[in-house]
Amino acid sequence: MQESEKLISIEEGRMQRVIDAVALASTGEVELALKQLAAVEHDAFGVIEEALRVFLSELSATTQQKSQALAALAASKRELEHQLDTIQRQECAIRELSVPIIDIWHGILTLPLVGLFDSVRAVEVTERLLVRVAEDSDVEWVILDLTGVTLIDSMTAQHLIKLAQAVQLLGARCVLTGLGGHVAETLVTIGVAFDELNPMRSLREGLRFCLAQRGRAISPR
């Protein structure tokens, strides 16, 4: 026995609202789509309207959560970039402090070294100092002050020799000041030619030596 088909009479306006809601949702305008289904009637077609409204509500909530998650991720990324930038600036500042190249007199630079002076730091000192000497054609003398260095290994001592030779190739000369007992012993052990380093007891004597070599009177700038 064939069941009789039940026909549902739907107002054209209601059908158009459903179509508009689906069209808006497809373009991402979920909130506007929900407004199209604000009024749902309690009939057979209203069940479909309500199901669509519930679906759009859940879609809206999910979209908002996704937006919040993306915003939080973007904020975390900005914070991480800020922290990395801060770390990089701090590292640059530390490098500047660890290799303080001071213009002590016109044409005379001094590089006071303090603390541990190992091979890694020696390479960094060499790179920064050579760049400075190469950029400034007025530099004639470089005073390497080791007053704050209490211990040095043979490899690092070799770096000092190479540094003095490189400075000389750039048209300047080196003076080594502030030698402690252990440092002097290490330099003697490896057979350093002190003529290249012009060793002096103190920074003051080193400055006087440089000024004397330039034939200038010792007077404050």
Protein backbone atom coordinates (compact mmCIF):
# COMPACT_ATOMS: atom_id res chain seq x y z
CA MET A 1 0.00 0.00 0.00
CA GLN A 2 1.55 3.25 -1.13
CA GLU A 3 1.90 5.95 1.49
CA SER A 4 0.53 9.30 0.53
CA GLU A 5 3.13 12.00 0.18
CA LYS A 6 2.81 14.96 2.51
CA LEU A 7 3.41 18.27 0.86
CA ILE A 8 4.83 21.14 2.93
CA SER A 9 3.79 24.59 1.97
CA ILE A 10 6.71 27.02 2.49
CA GLU A 11 6.55 30.72 2.16
CA GLU A 12 8.88 32.08 -0.47
CA GLY A 13 10.37 34.53 2.05
CA ARG A 14 11.40 31.74 4.45
CA MET A 15 13.04 29.77 1.70
CA GLN A 16 14.88 32.89 0.55
CA ARG A 17 16.15 33.50 4.10
CA VAL A 18 17.58 29.98 4.24
CA ILE A 19 19.25 30.43 0.86
CA ASP A 20 20.67 33.80 1.94
CA ALA A 21 21.95 32.28 5.21
CA VAL A 22 23.77 29.49 3.37
CA ALA A 23 25.22 32.00 0.88
CA LEU A 24 26.49 34.27 3.66
CA ALA A 25 27.98 31.34 5.59
CA SER A 26 29.84 30.20 2.49
CA THR A 27 31.61 33.58 2.32
CA GLY A 28 32.50 33.55 6.00
CA GLU A 29 29.76 35.92 7.15
CA VAL A 30 28.44 33.51 9.77
CA GLU A 31 27.04 36.17 12.08
CA LEU A 32 25.01 37.74 9.29
CA ALA A 33 23.84 34.28 8.31
CA LEU A 34 22.56 33.70 11.85
CA LYS A 35 20.56 36.91 11.69
CA GLN A 36 18.69 35.50 8.70
CA LEU A 37 17.48 32.66 10.95
CA ALA A 38 16.70 34.71 14.02
CA ALA A 39 12.99 33.81 13.87
CA VAL A 40 12.29 30.09 13.49
CA GLU A 41 8.71 28.82 13.30
CA HIS A 42 7.61 25.58 14.89
CA ASP A 43 6.59 23.58 11.86
CA ALA A 44 8.10 20.95 9.62
CA PHE A 45 10.30 23.41 7.76
CA GLY A 46 11.20 25.07 11.04
CA VAL A 47 13.05 21.89 12.02
CA ILE A 48 15.36 22.42 9.05
CA GLU A 49 15.76 26.10 9.90
CA GLU A 50 16.62 25.26 13.51
CA ALA A 51 19.15 22.61 12.49
CA LEU A 52 20.80 25.11 10.18
CA ARG A 53 20.80 27.75 12.92
CA VAL A 54 22.44 25.34 15.39
CA PHE A 55 25.06 24.40 12.80
CA LEU A 56 25.84 28.06 12.09
CA SER A 57 26.06 28.83 15.83
CA GLU A 58 28.61 26.06 16.34
CA LEU A 59 30.47 27.22 13.25
CA SER A 60 30.53 30.76 14.65
CA ALA A 61 31.89 29.56 18.00
CA THR A 62 34.55 27.48 16.28
CA THR A 63 35.53 30.41 14.06
CA GLN A 64 35.88 32.69 17.08
CA GLN A 65 38.03 30.14 18.90
CA LYS A 66 40.21 29.80 15.82
CA SER A 67 40.58 33.58 15.56
CA GLN A 68 41.50 33.83 19.24
CA ALA A 69 44.03 31.03 18.87
CA LEU A 70 45.60 32.73 15.83
CA ALA A 71 45.71 36.05 17.68
CA ALA A 72 47.39 34.40 20.66
CA LEU A 73 49.86 32.70 18.32
CA ALA A 74 50.64 36.00 16.61
CA ALA A 75 51.15 37.67 20.00
CA SER A 76 53.48 34.85 21.07
CA LYS A 77 55.42 35.23 17.85
CA ARG A 78 55.80 38.98 18.38
CA GLU A 79 56.91 38.40 21.97
CA LEU A 80 59.42 35.77 20.84
CA GLU A 81 60.78 38.10 18.15
CA HIS A 82 61.07 40.85 20.75
CA GLN A 83 62.95 38.54 23.11
CA LEU A 84 65.27 37.40 20.33
CA ASP A 85 65.93 41.01 19.38
CA THR A 86 66.69 41.82 23.03
CA ILE A 87 69.05 38.85 23.26
CA GLN A 88 70.84 39.91 20.08
CA ARG A 89 71.23 43.48 21.36
CA GLN A 90 72.52 42.16 24.68
CA GLU A 91 75.00 39.93 22.89
CA CYS A 92 76.20 42.91 20.85
CA ALA A 93 76.56 44.96 24.02
CA ILE A 94 78.49 42.16 25.71
CA ARG A 95 80.80 41.87 22.71
CA GLU A 96 81.36 45.61 22.78
CA LEU A 97 82.21 45.48 26.47
CA SER A 98 84.43 42.43 26.10
CA VAL A 99 86.46 44.13 23.35
CA PRO A 100 86.56 47.83 24.38
CA ILE A 101 88.68 49.57 21.74
CA ILE A 102 89.44 53.02 23.18
CA ASP A 103 90.76 56.02 21.25
CA ILE A 104 93.20 57.06 23.98
CA TRP A 105 95.03 59.62 21.87
CA HIS A 106 94.93 60.82 18.31
CA GLY A 107 96.29 57.93 16.28
CA ILE A 108 96.70 55.72 19.35
CA LEU A 109 94.23 53.00 20.30
CA THR A 110 94.21 50.94 23.46
CA LEU A 111 92.56 47.60 24.03
CA PRO A 112 92.32 46.75 27.75
CA LEU A 113 91.73 43.02 28.19
CA VAL A 114 90.18 41.80 31.42
CA GLY A 115 89.34 38.33 32.72
CA LEU A 116 89.73 35.08 30.83
CA PHE A 117 91.58 35.51 27.57
CA ASP A 118 91.30 32.26 25.65
CA SER A 119 91.59 31.37 21.97
CA VAL A 120 87.93 32.12 21.21
CA ARG A 121 88.16 35.59 22.67
CA ALA A 122 91.53 36.14 21.00
CA VAL A 123 89.95 35.51 17.60
CA GLU A 124 87.14 37.97 18.36
CA VAL A 125 89.63 40.58 19.54
CA THR A 126 91.68 40.11 16.38
CA GLU A 127 88.69 40.52 14.09
CA ARG A 128 87.32 43.65 15.77
CA LEU A 129 90.68 45.34 16.17
CA LEU A 130 91.79 44.73 12.60
CA VAL A 131 88.51 46.12 11.29
CA ARG A 132 88.98 49.26 13.38
CA VAL A 133 92.59 49.76 12.28
CA ALA A 134 91.68 49.17 8.65
CA GLU A 135 88.82 51.69 8.79
CA ASP A 136 90.85 54.41 10.53
CA SER A 137 93.90 55.42 8.51
CA ASP A 138 95.11 57.72 11.31
CA VAL A 139 95.85 54.82 13.68
CA GLU A 140 99.62 54.47 14.16
CA TRP A 141 99.85 52.58 17.45
CA VAL A 142 97.74 49.95 19.23
CA ILE A 143 98.32 49.34 22.94
CA LEU A 144 97.27 45.87 24.09
CA ASP A 145 96.91 46.15 27.85
CA LEU A 146 96.93 42.80 29.68
CA THR A 147 96.81 44.25 33.20
CA GLY A 148 93.53 42.46 33.90
CA VAL A 149 94.66 39.13 32.43
CA THR A 150 96.20 36.75 34.95
CA LEU A 151 96.55 33.62 32.81
CA ILE A 152 97.10 32.93 29.15
CA ASP A 153 97.76 29.70 27.25
CA SER A 154 100.34 29.15 24.55
CA MET A 155 97.79 29.08 21.71
CA THR A 156 96.34 32.41 22.80
CA ALA A 157 99.83 33.87 23.07
CA GLN A 158 100.42 32.85 19.46
CA HIS A 159 97.25 34.77 18.55
CA LEU A 160 98.78 37.89 20.11
CA ILE A 161 101.83 37.54 17.91
CA LYS A 162 99.72 37.08 14.80
CA LEU A 163 97.59 40.06 15.83
CA ALA A 164 100.67 42.28 16.16
CA GLN A 165 101.90 41.13 12.75
CA ALA A 166 98.50 41.78 11.15
CA VAL A 167 98.33 45.26 12.69
CA GLN A 168 101.79 46.00 11.31
CA LEU A 169 100.69 44.93 7.83
CA LEU A 170 97.92 47.53 8.08
CA GLY A 171 100.44 50.28 8.75
CA ALA A 172 100.32 50.45 12.56
CA ARG A 173 102.39 48.93 15.37
CA CYS A 174 101.57 47.23 18.67
CA VAL A 175 102.66 47.81 22.24
CA LEU A 176 102.05 45.19 24.92
CA THR A 177 101.54 46.52 28.44
CA GLY A 178 100.61 45.22 31.88
CA LEU A 179 102.32 41.84 31.64
CA GLY A 180 101.86 39.66 34.73
CA GLY A 181 104.28 36.96 35.84
CA HIS A 182 102.36 33.99 34.40
CA VAL A 183 101.65 35.78 31.11
CA ALA A 184 105.29 36.81 30.71
CA GLU A 185 106.42 33.26 31.47
CA THR A 186 104.08 31.85 28.82
CA LEU A 187 105.35 34.32 26.22
CA VAL A 188 108.95 33.44 27.00
CA THR A 189 108.18 29.71 26.87
CA ILE A 190 106.85 29.86 23.34
CA GLY A 191 109.77 32.04 22.25
CA VAL A 192 107.96 35.29 21.50
CA ALA A 193 110.02 37.92 19.70
CA PHE A 194 109.33 40.89 21.96
CA ASP A 195 110.59 43.34 19.39
CA GLU A 196 107.27 42.99 17.64
CA LEU A 197 105.26 43.66 20.80
CA ASN A 198 107.30 46.43 22.47
CA PRO A 199 106.48 45.23 26.02
CA MET A 200 105.98 47.91 28.68
CA ARG A 201 105.26 47.65 32.39
CA SER A 202 102.09 49.77 32.42
CA LEU A 203 99.61 51.47 30.15
CA ARG A 204 101.06 54.83 31.09
CA GLU A 205 104.54 53.78 30.00
CA GLY A 206 103.10 52.37 26.81
CA LEU A 207 101.40 55.66 26.00
CA ARG A 208 104.57 57.59 26.72
CA PHE A 209 106.50 55.25 24.43
CA CYS A 210 104.02 55.76 21.60
CA LEU A 211 104.08 59.54 21.98
CA ALA A 212 107.85 59.54 22.14
CA GLN A 213 108.02 57.54 18.94
CA ARG A 214 105.82 60.12 17.28
CA GLY A 215 107.99 62.91 18.60
CA ARG A 216 105.14 64.60 20.47
CA ALA A 217 105.12 66.19 23.87
CA ILE A 218 103.19 64.34 26.55
CA SER A 219 100.19 66.55 27.20
CA PRO A 220 96.46 65.81 27.65
CA ARG A 221 94.34 66.07 24.58
